[in-house]
Amino acid sequence: MARTSNKLTDTAVKQAKAKQKPFKLADGNGLFILVQPDGKRYWRLAYRYAGKQKVLAIGVYPDISLKEAREKREDARKLLANDIDPSDVKRQKKLARHFATENSFEAVAVEWLAREKLHWSETHTTRIQSLLKHNLLPWLGHRPISEINPQELLAALRRTESKGTLETAQRAKQASGQIFRYAVITGRAERDPSHDLKGALATHKGKHFSAITEPKEVGSLLLAMDEFQGTTVVKAALQISPLLFQRPGEIRHMQWEEIDFENAEWRYMVTKTKTPHIVPLSQQALKILKALRPITERSKYVFPSARGASRPLSENAVRVALRTIGYTNEQMTPHGFRAMARTILDEVLNYRVEWIEHQLAHTVKDSNGTAYNRTKHLPQRKEMMQGWADYLDRLRAIAKGENVVPLNINRVTQSQ
C-alpha cells in the first residue's frame, strides 16, 4: 500500500469558504472534502473497485474531523486491499443498525404489549406499561433483543431489587420472559435469557390481603355494609362482593350479557388465567342484580362508573366504601372477601376444599394432575353458594340480636 500524502490542514478545512458552485479540497489518496454553496462540508473518498470509479460518503465536517476522516480512509483502503468494497460494508452496517433498531428490546416489547393488552383490563395494562417504563426499558430498551444475555438482564433487574422492591423485580423478570419468548416465536431471538435466572433474585414474602374471618365480626361488617349511604351502584357492588367472593377486578367488569338469570349463573373469562368460569348465583345475589338491572342495564357493565356508563366501576370504589363504613385497610379490603369465604367455608361450614378452590377460580387438579373443567362439581357448588349466602344472612341476623336457630354443621357436612 502506497504511503499517504496529506495535503489538507485543520485550518484550511475550517476556513474553506463557499462558492457559487460546489468544489473539492483534496487531501490525498482519494480523500477530499466537498464544500457546498450553502457552506456545508462533506468528506468523501474516491476509489476504484472492480474497474469502476466509486465514491464513499465518510461524514459531515465538523462532526467528522480531518483526523477521523483520514482514519476512515485508511480503514477503507485496508478493505480494498482485501478485495472488499467499502460501500458494501457501509451498506451492510446500515442494514444491521436498522435491523437492531427494529428488533430492539423496546420495539419487541411494544409489539408484544399491543397484542396482549387486547385480553387485559385497563388497570393491568397500565401496570405493565409502568413496569416496563421504570424497570426494564431504561437499561435494555435500546439493545438488540437477540444480544441480551442473562447477565445483562440480571443487572437490570438488580437495579429494581436494590431499591427493596422485591416483588416488582420478580414481576419485571416475569414480564421480560414473556417478551423474550415472543421474540423467539417471531424470529427475533433464539432463546429466553430469563430462564437462566431462576432463583437469582431475592424472594418476596407476600403480605396477605387484610380480611375478617371471625363469624361474629363478619356479621357486624355485613350490618355496616347495609347501612352504607353511597350510590346505589357502589352499594350493590359492596353487598354482592362477599356473596360471590370473586376477584374485585372481575366483579367490577361484570357484564349483563354474562348473567344467566334463568339458570342463576354468572359466566365469564378469568382475566388472570384466560379460562372460562361459572359462578352460581344465590337467591340473595340474584335479588341484588334484579334490583340493579333497571338502573344500569343501558350500560354493558353491571356496575358502571359514575363518570360514564361505557366504563366499569372505579378500582377503588369498594375500597373507599369500606373505609367510609369504618373499616381500615388493615382490617378489610375488597380482596379480603375471598379470604373470608375461603376460611369460613372450609373451617366452619366444612365444605370440600376443591369445591371452594374451584369457586375461587383457582387452578384445581385431580389426583392425576389434570385440571378440573369449569363444570366440575357444579351442582355441589351451586348448593355451596346458596348455603354460604344463607349463612351470611344468619350472621347478619345474629349481629342484629335476632333469635336464630343454631346452624347444624354436621348436616352441612353430610350433604356433601
Protein backbone atom coordinates (compact mmCIF):
# COMPACT_ATOMS: atom_id res chain seq x y z
CA MET A 1 0.00 0.00 0.00
CA ALA A 2 1.44 3.37 -1.04
CA ARG A 3 2.25 5.92 1.61
CA THR A 4 -0.44 8.57 2.07
CA SER A 5 0.47 12.13 1.09
CA ASN A 6 -1.66 14.52 3.16
CA LYS A 7 -2.28 18.00 1.73
CA LEU A 8 -5.01 19.49 3.92
CA THR A 9 -4.69 21.12 7.34
CA ASP A 10 -7.31 21.73 10.01
CA THR A 11 -7.08 25.47 9.34
CA ALA A 12 -7.58 25.04 5.61
CA VAL A 13 -10.67 22.90 6.15
CA LYS A 14 -12.11 25.23 8.77
CA GLN A 15 -11.57 28.40 6.70
CA ALA A 16 -12.77 26.98 3.40
CA LYS A 17 -15.32 29.48 2.07
CA ALA A 18 -18.34 28.55 0.00
CA LYS A 19 -18.55 29.49 -3.68
CA GLN A 20 -21.39 29.68 -6.14
CA LYS A 21 -20.71 26.08 -7.18
CA PRO A 22 -19.59 23.04 -5.18
CA PHE A 23 -15.83 22.49 -5.10
CA LYS A 24 -13.36 19.97 -3.67
CA LEU A 25 -10.32 20.26 -1.45
CA ALA A 26 -8.16 17.15 -1.85
CA ASP A 27 -6.16 15.59 0.96
CA GLY A 28 -4.57 12.65 -0.83
CA ASN A 29 -5.19 9.01 -1.78
CA GLY A 30 -8.76 9.80 -2.83
CA LEU A 31 -9.86 11.67 0.32
CA PHE A 32 -11.42 15.09 -0.28
CA ILE A 33 -13.85 17.47 1.32
CA LEU A 34 -16.76 18.71 -0.79
CA VAL A 35 -17.76 22.31 0.01
CA GLN A 36 -21.34 23.16 -0.97
CA PRO A 37 -22.68 26.64 -1.86
CA ASP A 38 -24.58 26.70 1.46
CA GLY A 39 -21.27 26.27 3.33
CA LYS A 40 -21.82 22.65 4.39
CA ARG A 41 -18.78 20.39 4.03
CA TYR A 42 -18.84 16.65 3.36
CA TRP A 43 -15.98 14.15 3.49
CA ARG A 44 -15.79 11.84 0.51
CA LEU A 45 -13.40 9.10 -0.64
CA ALA A 46 -12.89 8.45 -4.35
CA TYR A 47 -11.74 4.93 -5.18
CA ARG A 48 -11.88 2.24 -7.86
CA TYR A 49 -13.35 -1.19 -7.32
CA ALA A 50 -13.84 -3.90 -9.92
CA GLY A 51 -12.77 -1.47 -12.64
CA LYS A 52 -15.39 1.14 -11.68
CA GLN A 53 -14.90 4.58 -10.21
CA LYS A 54 -16.88 4.97 -6.95
CA VAL A 55 -17.32 7.49 -4.12
CA LEU A 56 -17.78 6.65 -0.44
CA ALA A 57 -19.53 9.12 1.88
CA ILE A 58 -17.47 9.35 5.09
CA GLY A 59 -19.29 12.01 7.09
CA VAL A 60 -20.02 15.69 7.68
CA TYR A 61 -17.47 18.23 8.91
CA PRO A 62 -17.03 19.22 11.74
CA ASP A 63 -18.83 16.13 13.14
CA ILE A 64 -16.03 14.15 11.50
CA SER A 65 -12.67 15.88 11.95
CA LEU A 66 -9.80 15.79 9.47
CA LYS A 67 -8.01 13.23 11.63
CA GLU A 68 -11.11 10.99 11.82
CA ALA A 69 -11.69 11.29 8.08
CA ARG A 70 -8.11 10.12 7.43
CA GLU A 71 -8.63 7.16 9.77
CA LYS A 72 -11.75 6.16 7.89
CA ARG A 73 -9.83 6.49 4.60
CA GLU A 74 -7.19 4.05 5.89
CA ASP A 75 -9.88 1.62 7.03
CA ALA A 76 -11.41 1.74 3.54
CA ARG A 77 -8.02 1.20 1.87
CA LYS A 78 -7.44 -1.89 4.02
CA LEU A 79 -10.76 -3.30 2.85
CA LEU A 80 -9.84 -2.60 -0.77
CA ALA A 81 -6.50 -4.34 -0.27
CA ASN A 82 -8.52 -7.44 0.69
CA ASP A 83 -10.78 -7.07 -2.36
CA ILE A 84 -13.72 -5.80 -0.27
CA ASP A 85 -15.85 -2.88 -1.41
CA PRO A 86 -16.10 -0.27 1.42
CA SER A 87 -19.51 0.84 0.12
CA ASP A 88 -20.86 -2.71 0.57
CA VAL A 89 -19.51 -2.82 4.13
CA LYS A 90 -21.13 0.53 4.94
CA ARG A 91 -24.46 -0.61 3.47
CA GLN A 92 -24.37 -3.82 5.49
CA LYS A 93 -23.63 -1.90 8.70
CA LYS A 94 -26.54 0.43 7.99
CA LEU A 95 -28.87 -2.52 7.48
CA ALA A 96 -27.57 -4.08 10.70
CA ARG A 97 -28.27 -0.88 12.63
CA HIS A 98 -31.75 -0.68 11.13
CA PHE A 99 -32.40 -4.32 11.98
CA ALA A 100 -31.14 -3.77 15.52
CA THR A 101 -33.45 -0.76 15.95
CA GLU A 102 -36.47 -2.59 14.58
CA ASN A 103 -35.67 -5.56 16.80
CA SER A 104 -34.60 -3.78 19.94
CA PHE A 105 -35.98 -4.93 23.28
CA GLU A 106 -38.24 -1.86 23.35
CA ALA A 107 -39.58 -2.42 19.82
CA VAL A 108 -40.42 -6.05 20.58
CA ALA A 109 -41.88 -5.10 23.98
CA VAL A 110 -44.17 -2.51 22.38
CA GLU A 111 -45.33 -5.05 19.79
CA TRP A 112 -45.91 -7.70 22.47
CA LEU A 113 -47.83 -5.26 24.66
CA ALA A 114 -50.08 -4.17 21.78
CA ARG A 115 -51.08 -7.78 21.24
CA GLU A 116 -51.50 -8.82 24.86
CA LYS A 117 -53.44 -5.78 26.09
CA LEU A 118 -56.40 -6.83 23.94
CA HIS A 119 -57.03 -9.51 26.58
CA TRP A 120 -56.19 -7.39 29.64
CA SER A 121 -58.10 -4.95 31.79
CA GLU A 122 -57.18 -1.28 31.54
CA THR A 123 -55.70 -1.39 35.03
CA HIS A 124 -53.47 -4.37 34.29
CA THR A 125 -52.28 -2.80 31.02
CA THR A 126 -51.33 0.42 32.81
CA ARG A 127 -49.49 -1.59 35.47
CA ILE A 128 -47.42 -3.48 32.88
CA GLN A 129 -46.63 -0.28 30.95
CA SER A 130 -45.33 1.31 34.15
CA LEU A 131 -43.35 -1.83 35.00
CA LEU A 132 -41.58 -1.74 31.63
CA LYS A 133 -41.03 2.02 31.67
CA HIS A 134 -39.35 2.15 35.07
CA ASN A 135 -37.68 -1.23 35.43
CA LEU A 136 -36.61 -2.60 32.03
CA LEU A 137 -36.64 -0.10 29.15
CA PRO A 138 -34.15 2.43 30.62
CA TRP A 139 -31.39 -0.21 30.55
CA LEU A 140 -32.49 -2.74 27.93
CA GLY A 141 -34.78 -0.79 25.61
CA HIS A 142 -32.14 0.24 23.04
CA ARG A 143 -30.40 -3.15 22.96
CA PRO A 144 -30.98 -5.65 20.13
CA ILE A 145 -33.11 -8.25 21.86
CA SER A 146 -31.12 -11.12 20.35
CA GLU A 147 -27.93 -9.85 22.00
CA ILE A 148 -29.21 -9.54 25.58
CA ASN A 149 -27.70 -12.26 27.75
CA PRO A 150 -28.69 -13.49 31.24
CA GLN A 151 -26.04 -11.35 32.97
CA GLU A 152 -27.24 -8.16 31.29
CA LEU A 153 -30.86 -8.90 32.15
CA LEU A 154 -29.92 -9.70 35.75
CA ALA A 155 -28.01 -6.41 36.05
CA ALA A 156 -31.17 -4.53 35.04
CA LEU A 157 -33.32 -6.49 37.49
CA ARG A 158 -30.79 -5.94 40.28
CA ARG A 159 -31.39 -2.19 39.98
CA THR A 160 -35.01 -2.75 40.95
CA GLU A 161 -34.15 -5.32 43.59
CA SER A 162 -31.62 -2.96 45.21
CA LYS A 163 -34.43 -0.49 45.94
CA GLY A 164 -36.09 -3.10 48.15
CA THR A 165 -38.99 -3.64 45.74
CA LEU A 166 -38.52 -7.38 45.54
CA GLU A 167 -41.96 -8.19 44.21
CA THR A 168 -41.56 -5.62 41.43
CA ALA A 169 -38.23 -7.18 40.46
CA GLN A 170 -39.88 -10.58 40.21
CA ARG A 171 -42.72 -9.13 38.12
CA ALA A 172 -40.20 -7.43 35.83
CA LYS A 173 -38.40 -10.75 35.35
CA GLN A 174 -41.69 -12.45 34.53
CA ALA A 175 -42.66 -9.75 32.02
CA SER A 176 -39.23 -9.82 30.37
CA GLY A 177 -39.53 -13.58 29.99
CA GLN A 178 -42.81 -13.19 28.14
CA ILE A 179 -41.26 -10.57 25.85
CA PHE A 180 -38.23 -12.76 25.11
CA ARG A 181 -40.45 -15.75 24.36
CA TYR A 182 -42.49 -13.59 21.99
CA ALA A 183 -39.22 -12.58 20.29
CA VAL A 184 -38.32 -16.26 19.90
CA ILE A 185 -41.70 -17.07 18.40
CA THR A 186 -41.43 -14.17 15.92
CA GLY A 187 -37.84 -14.97 14.93
CA ARG A 188 -36.12 -12.03 16.62
CA ALA A 189 -34.25 -14.05 19.27
CA GLU A 190 -33.09 -17.61 19.75
CA ARG A 191 -33.80 -18.06 23.46
CA ASP A 192 -35.21 -16.55 26.64
CA PRO A 193 -32.34 -15.49 28.97
CA SER A 194 -34.70 -15.02 31.93
CA HIS A 195 -34.96 -18.81 32.10
CA ASP A 196 -31.38 -18.91 33.39
CA LEU A 197 -32.17 -16.56 36.27
CA LYS A 198 -34.28 -18.96 38.31
CA GLY A 199 -33.50 -18.29 41.98
CA ALA A 200 -31.20 -15.36 41.17
CA LEU A 201 -33.49 -12.75 42.71
CA ALA A 202 -34.47 -12.44 46.36
CA THR A 203 -37.86 -13.96 47.09
CA HIS A 204 -40.64 -11.60 48.07
CA LYS A 205 -42.59 -12.69 51.13
CA GLY A 206 -46.08 -11.70 50.16
CA LYS A 207 -48.38 -9.87 52.51
CA HIS A 208 -51.85 -11.34 52.75
CA PHE A 209 -54.80 -9.15 51.96
CA SER A 210 -56.50 -7.97 55.13
CA ALA A 211 -59.68 -9.89 55.81
CA ILE A 212 -62.24 -10.51 58.54
CA THR A 213 -62.69 -14.25 59.11
CA GLU A 214 -64.28 -14.38 62.59
CA PRO A 215 -68.01 -15.13 62.07
CA LYS A 216 -69.16 -12.66 64.73
CA GLU A 217 -67.11 -9.87 63.16
CA VAL A 218 -68.41 -10.81 59.71
CA GLY A 219 -71.96 -10.24 60.96
CA SER A 220 -71.04 -6.75 62.18
CA LEU A 221 -69.37 -6.00 58.84
CA LEU A 222 -72.49 -7.06 56.92
CA LEU A 223 -74.67 -4.78 59.05
CA ALA A 224 -72.32 -1.86 58.44
CA MET A 225 -72.42 -2.57 54.70
CA ASP A 226 -76.23 -2.48 54.77
CA GLU A 227 -76.05 1.00 56.32
CA PHE A 228 -73.71 2.37 53.61
CA GLN A 229 -75.08 5.66 52.29
CA GLY A 230 -73.21 5.83 48.97
CA THR A 231 -74.56 5.44 45.44
CA THR A 232 -76.81 2.53 44.52
CA VAL A 233 -74.19 1.06 42.18
CA VAL A 234 -71.36 1.15 44.71
CA LYS A 235 -73.59 -0.24 47.47
CA ALA A 236 -74.69 -3.11 45.21
CA ALA A 237 -71.06 -3.90 44.32
CA LEU A 238 -70.15 -3.80 48.01
CA GLN A 239 -73.01 -6.08 49.09
CA ILE A 240 -72.53 -8.62 46.31
CA SER A 241 -68.77 -8.94 46.89
CA PRO A 242 -68.99 -11.38 49.86
CA LEU A 243 -71.74 -13.38 48.12
CA LEU A 244 -69.64 -14.03 45.02
CA PHE A 245 -66.10 -13.76 46.50
CA GLN A 246 -64.51 -13.36 43.06
CA ARG A 247 -61.52 -11.10 42.36
CA PRO A 248 -62.52 -7.43 42.75
CA GLY A 249 -61.46 -6.63 39.18
CA GLU A 250 -63.72 -9.38 37.79
CA ILE A 251 -66.71 -8.10 39.76
CA ARG A 252 -66.12 -4.51 38.58
CA HIS A 253 -66.04 -5.71 34.96
CA MET A 254 -69.11 -7.94 35.26
CA GLN A 255 -71.35 -7.52 32.19
CA TRP A 256 -75.07 -8.02 31.84
CA GLU A 257 -74.60 -10.40 28.91
CA GLU A 258 -72.65 -12.71 31.23
CA ILE A 259 -75.59 -13.09 33.64
CA ASP A 260 -77.91 -16.05 33.06
CA PHE A 261 -80.92 -15.25 35.24
CA GLU A 262 -82.80 -18.39 34.17
CA ASN A 263 -80.04 -20.74 35.33
CA ALA A 264 -78.82 -18.41 38.09
CA GLU A 265 -75.23 -18.27 36.82
CA TRP A 266 -72.56 -15.71 36.05
CA ARG A 267 -70.24 -16.97 33.30
CA TYR A 268 -67.11 -15.02 32.46
CA MET A 269 -63.50 -15.41 31.27
CA VAL A 270 -60.98 -15.19 34.12
CA THR A 271 -58.53 -12.40 33.27
CA LYS A 272 -55.61 -13.95 35.13
CA THR A 273 -55.79 -17.45 33.61
CA LYS A 274 -57.77 -16.84 30.38
CA THR A 275 -60.15 -19.68 31.33
CA PRO A 276 -63.96 -19.72 31.42
CA HIS A 277 -65.52 -19.72 34.88
CA ILE A 278 -69.01 -20.27 36.30
CA VAL A 279 -70.25 -18.58 39.46
CA PRO A 280 -73.59 -19.98 40.72
CA LEU A 281 -75.81 -17.12 41.87
CA SER A 282 -77.62 -17.47 45.17
CA GLN A 283 -81.10 -16.05 45.63
CA GLN A 284 -79.56 -13.18 47.59
CA ALA A 285 -77.15 -12.35 44.74
CA LEU A 286 -79.97 -12.53 42.18
CA LYS A 287 -82.04 -10.13 44.28
CA ILE A 288 -79.26 -7.54 44.20
CA LEU A 289 -78.78 -7.92 40.43
CA LYS A 290 -82.50 -7.76 39.64
CA ALA A 291 -82.87 -4.59 41.70
CA LEU A 292 -79.90 -3.02 39.93
CA ARG A 293 -80.85 -4.07 36.40
CA PRO A 294 -83.37 -1.28 35.66
CA ILE A 295 -80.78 1.26 36.79
CA THR A 296 -77.73 0.14 34.82
CA GLU A 297 -78.98 -2.14 32.03
CA ARG A 298 -78.28 0.54 29.40
CA SER A 299 -74.59 0.01 30.13
CA LYS A 300 -72.87 -3.23 29.22
CA TYR A 301 -71.43 -3.20 32.73
CA VAL A 302 -73.48 -4.30 35.72
CA PHE A 303 -71.54 -1.80 37.84
CA PRO A 304 -70.77 1.16 35.54
CA SER A 305 -68.61 4.11 36.52
CA ALA A 306 -70.27 7.31 37.72
CA ARG A 307 -68.09 9.11 35.17
CA GLY A 308 -69.64 7.29 32.23
CA ALA A 309 -71.63 4.13 31.50
CA SER A 310 -69.03 2.98 28.97
CA ARG A 311 -66.53 2.36 31.78
CA PRO A 312 -66.65 -0.06 34.73
CA LEU A 313 -66.74 1.00 38.36
CA SER A 314 -63.55 2.57 39.70
CA GLU A 315 -60.93 0.23 41.10
CA ASN A 316 -61.11 1.99 44.47
CA ALA A 317 -64.89 2.34 44.77
CA VAL A 318 -65.50 -0.68 47.03
CA ARG A 319 -62.29 0.00 48.98
CA VAL A 320 -63.42 3.57 49.70
CA ALA A 321 -66.86 2.27 50.68
CA LEU A 322 -65.24 0.01 53.28
CA ARG A 323 -63.27 2.99 54.60
CA THR A 324 -66.49 5.03 54.73
CA ILE A 325 -68.27 2.49 56.95
CA GLY A 326 -65.31 2.48 59.34
CA TYR A 327 -63.03 -0.36 58.25
CA THR A 328 -59.35 0.46 57.71
CA ASN A 329 -57.16 -1.07 55.05
CA GLU A 330 -55.53 -3.16 57.80
CA GLN A 331 -58.91 -4.62 58.79
CA MET A 332 -60.65 -5.36 55.48
CA THR A 333 -60.03 -5.00 51.75
CA PRO A 334 -62.17 -5.83 48.70
CA HIS A 335 -59.87 -8.79 48.05
CA GLY A 336 -60.40 -9.87 51.65
CA PHE A 337 -63.89 -11.20 50.87
CA ARG A 338 -62.13 -14.09 49.12
CA ALA A 339 -60.11 -14.98 52.21
CA MET A 340 -63.25 -14.61 54.33
CA ALA A 341 -65.16 -17.13 52.22
CA ARG A 342 -62.19 -19.47 51.83
CA THR A 343 -61.63 -19.67 55.60
CA ILE A 344 -65.22 -19.96 56.81
CA LEU A 345 -66.43 -22.35 54.08
CA ASP A 346 -63.59 -24.68 54.99
CA GLU A 347 -63.11 -24.30 58.74
CA VAL A 348 -66.67 -23.52 59.88
CA LEU A 349 -69.04 -24.92 57.25
CA ASN A 350 -66.83 -27.88 56.31
CA TYR A 351 -67.28 -27.73 52.53
CA ARG A 352 -64.78 -29.65 50.45
CA VAL A 353 -61.63 -27.67 49.71
CA GLU A 354 -61.61 -28.47 45.98
CA TRP A 355 -65.12 -27.03 45.64
CA ILE A 356 -64.02 -23.84 47.38
CA GLU A 357 -60.80 -23.52 45.39
CA HIS A 358 -62.64 -24.10 42.15
CA GLN A 359 -65.20 -21.47 43.06
CA LEU A 360 -62.37 -19.03 43.83
CA ALA A 361 -61.26 -19.57 40.19
CA HIS A 362 -58.03 -21.18 41.36
CA THR A 363 -56.49 -23.96 39.28
CA VAL A 364 -57.65 -27.23 40.84
CA LYS A 365 -56.15 -30.56 39.76
CA ASP A 366 -57.29 -34.12 40.38
CA SER A 367 -55.10 -36.99 41.58
CA ASN A 368 -53.70 -37.41 38.07
CA GLY A 369 -52.63 -33.77 37.87
CA THR A 370 -55.37 -32.86 35.41
CA ALA A 371 -57.14 -29.52 35.92
CA TYR A 372 -60.86 -29.81 36.56
CA ASN A 373 -63.06 -28.27 33.89
CA ARG A 374 -65.38 -25.37 34.65
CA THR A 375 -68.46 -27.56 35.19
CA LYS A 376 -66.80 -29.94 37.65
CA HIS A 377 -68.96 -30.40 40.77
CA LEU A 378 -71.26 -27.63 39.55
CA PRO A 379 -74.41 -28.96 41.32
CA GLN A 380 -72.50 -29.19 44.60
CA ARG A 381 -71.02 -25.74 44.10
CA LYS A 382 -74.49 -24.32 43.47
CA GLU A 383 -75.61 -25.79 46.79
CA MET A 384 -72.48 -24.43 48.48
CA MET A 385 -73.01 -20.88 47.15
CA GLN A 386 -76.62 -20.82 48.36
CA GLY A 387 -75.56 -22.29 51.71
CA TRP A 388 -72.90 -19.57 52.00
CA ALA A 389 -75.40 -16.80 51.27
CA ASP A 390 -77.84 -18.22 53.82
CA TYR A 391 -75.05 -18.43 56.40
CA LEU A 392 -74.18 -14.76 55.83
CA ASP A 393 -77.85 -13.90 56.43
CA ARG A 394 -77.69 -15.80 59.72
CA LEU A 395 -74.58 -13.89 60.81
CA ARG A 396 -76.30 -10.62 59.93
CA ALA A 397 -79.39 -11.61 61.95
CA ILE A 398 -77.27 -12.63 64.95
CA ALA A 399 -75.47 -9.30 64.80
CA LYS A 400 -78.87 -7.59 64.93
CA GLY A 401 -79.68 -9.53 68.09
CA GLU A 402 -82.37 -11.63 66.48
CA ASN A 403 -83.14 -15.14 67.72
CA VAL A 404 -81.65 -17.59 65.22
CA VAL A 405 -81.79 -21.38 65.27
CA PRO A 406 -78.22 -22.71 65.68
CA LEU A 407 -76.66 -23.94 62.46
CA ASN A 408 -76.30 -27.73 62.20
CA ILE A 409 -72.73 -28.03 60.93
CA ASN A 410 -72.98 -31.83 60.74
CA ARG A 411 -75.94 -31.50 58.37
CA VAL A 412 -73.90 -29.28 56.09
CA THR A 413 -71.02 -31.74 56.09
CA GLN A 414 -73.22 -34.77 55.43
CA SER A 415 -74.91 -33.11 52.47
CA GLN A 416 -71.58 -33.19 50.64
